[in-house]
């Protein structure tokens, strides 16, 4: 018996991926700081009311960016406050070597 031919189509949208990162970062900041504790910047991006999502979501390509594997964690996420900004640094699948880190500007402190 011959195996059937199977085709898989895959479409990647960087905008959708950036929106997912924004949702994760926004939720994490609210969980850590509390609702109403900062002026959110991502809600328009998350709701697709603004297309300039890359003003707030970006990747890290620096020498001090640790991309070594971290077998003790699935994902790495941390909240940073720099000047008036609330920032989340996120690395999905941190247990794998070389996965990228993202920096998401979540909002302004009140």
Protein backbone atom coordinates (compact mmCIF):
# COMPACT_ATOMS: atom_id res chain seq x y z
CA UNK A 1 0.00 0.00 0.00
CA UNK A 2 1.36 3.39 -0.99
CA UNK A 3 1.42 6.20 1.55
CA UNK A 4 -0.87 9.13 0.70
CA UNK A 5 0.59 12.43 -0.44
CA UNK A 6 0.17 15.02 2.27
CA UNK A 7 0.77 18.74 1.86
CA UNK A 8 0.95 21.24 4.67
CA UNK A 9 0.60 24.96 4.13
CA UNK A 10 2.14 27.29 6.65
CA UNK A 11 1.81 31.05 6.74
CA UNK A 12 3.80 33.17 9.17
CA UNK A 13 2.77 36.71 9.98
CA UNK A 14 5.33 38.78 11.84
CA UNK A 15 2.59 41.24 12.80
CA UNK A 16 0.53 38.47 14.40
CA UNK A 17 3.62 37.15 16.19
CA UNK A 18 4.47 40.65 17.48
CA UNK A 19 0.87 41.04 18.64
CA UNK A 20 1.16 37.75 20.56
CA UNK A 21 4.34 39.00 22.25
CA UNK A 22 2.55 42.24 23.12
CA UNK A 23 -0.35 40.32 24.69
CA UNK A 24 2.01 38.24 26.81
CA UNK A 25 3.98 41.29 27.95
CA UNK A 26 0.87 43.36 28.70
CA UNK A 27 -0.69 40.53 30.73
CA UNK A 28 2.53 39.90 32.63
CA UNK A 29 2.93 43.59 33.53
CA UNK A 30 -0.64 43.75 34.84
CA UNK A 31 -0.13 40.55 36.83
CA UNK A 32 3.07 41.91 38.38
CA UNK A 33 2.10 45.57 38.92
CA UNK A 34 -1.69 45.49 39.09
CA UNK A 35 -4.41 46.88 36.86
CA UNK A 36 -4.25 50.67 36.55
CA UNK A 37 -0.68 50.92 37.84
CA UNK A 38 0.74 52.14 34.53
CA UNK A 39 -0.41 53.86 31.35
CA UNK A 40 -0.67 51.01 28.81
CA UNK A 41 0.77 51.50 25.32
CA UNK A 42 -0.08 48.15 23.74
CA UNK A 43 -3.88 47.99 23.80
CA UNK A 44 -4.33 49.64 20.38
CA UNK A 45 -1.80 47.23 18.87
CA UNK A 46 -3.40 44.22 20.49
CA UNK A 47 -6.84 45.26 19.23
CA UNK A 48 -5.45 45.92 15.72
CA UNK A 49 -6.35 49.61 15.93
CA UNK A 50 -2.78 50.70 15.28
CA UNK A 51 -0.28 49.19 12.85
CA UNK A 52 2.92 50.64 14.35
CA UNK A 53 3.47 47.70 16.70
CA UNK A 54 7.21 47.66 16.04
CA UNK A 55 7.50 50.98 17.87
CA UNK A 56 7.00 48.94 21.05
CA UNK A 57 8.04 45.37 20.18
CA UNK A 58 11.57 44.47 19.15
CA UNK A 59 14.32 41.90 19.46
CA UNK A 60 17.70 42.03 21.16
CA UNK A 61 20.91 41.54 19.23
CA UNK A 62 23.56 42.60 21.74
CA UNK A 63 26.72 41.02 23.03
CA UNK A 64 25.32 40.85 26.57
CA UNK A 65 22.18 39.02 25.38
CA UNK A 66 22.47 35.58 26.95
CA UNK A 67 21.15 33.06 24.43
CA UNK A 68 22.54 30.00 26.14
CA UNK A 69 20.08 27.31 27.02
CA UNK A 70 18.36 27.45 30.39
CA UNK A 71 17.19 23.89 31.02
CA UNK A 72 15.47 24.93 34.25
CA UNK A 73 12.83 27.14 32.56
CA UNK A 74 10.40 26.86 29.69
CA UNK A 75 10.13 30.60 29.05
CA UNK A 76 12.01 33.52 30.57
CA UNK A 77 10.15 36.74 31.34
CA UNK A 78 11.13 39.72 33.46
CA UNK A 79 9.72 43.14 34.22
CA UNK A 80 12.00 46.15 34.01
CA UNK A 81 11.42 49.78 34.88
CA UNK A 82 13.67 52.26 33.12
CA UNK A 83 13.02 55.95 33.70
CA UNK A 84 9.28 56.36 33.06
CA UNK A 85 8.90 53.15 31.06
CA UNK A 86 7.53 49.73 31.97
CA UNK A 87 9.37 47.14 29.87
CA UNK A 88 9.13 43.38 29.60
CA UNK A 89 12.00 41.21 28.40
CA UNK A 90 10.73 37.91 27.04
CA UNK A 91 12.44 34.80 25.74
CA UNK A 92 10.21 31.98 24.58
CA UNK A 93 11.53 28.42 24.83
CA UNK A 94 14.54 29.53 26.86
CA UNK A 95 15.54 25.89 27.42
CA UNK A 96 16.74 25.83 23.80
CA UNK A 97 20.07 27.40 22.90
CA UNK A 98 19.87 30.43 20.61
CA UNK A 99 16.21 31.36 20.95
CA UNK A 100 15.75 35.12 20.59
CA UNK A 101 14.95 37.60 23.33
CA UNK A 102 12.38 40.32 22.83
CA UNK A 103 11.94 43.67 24.51
CA UNK A 104 8.42 45.00 24.71
CA UNK A 105 7.67 48.52 25.93
CA UNK A 106 4.44 47.97 27.81
CA UNK A 107 3.63 51.43 29.13
CA UNK A 108 4.57 54.48 31.15
CA UNK A 109 4.64 54.57 34.89
CA UNK A 110 2.03 56.72 36.58
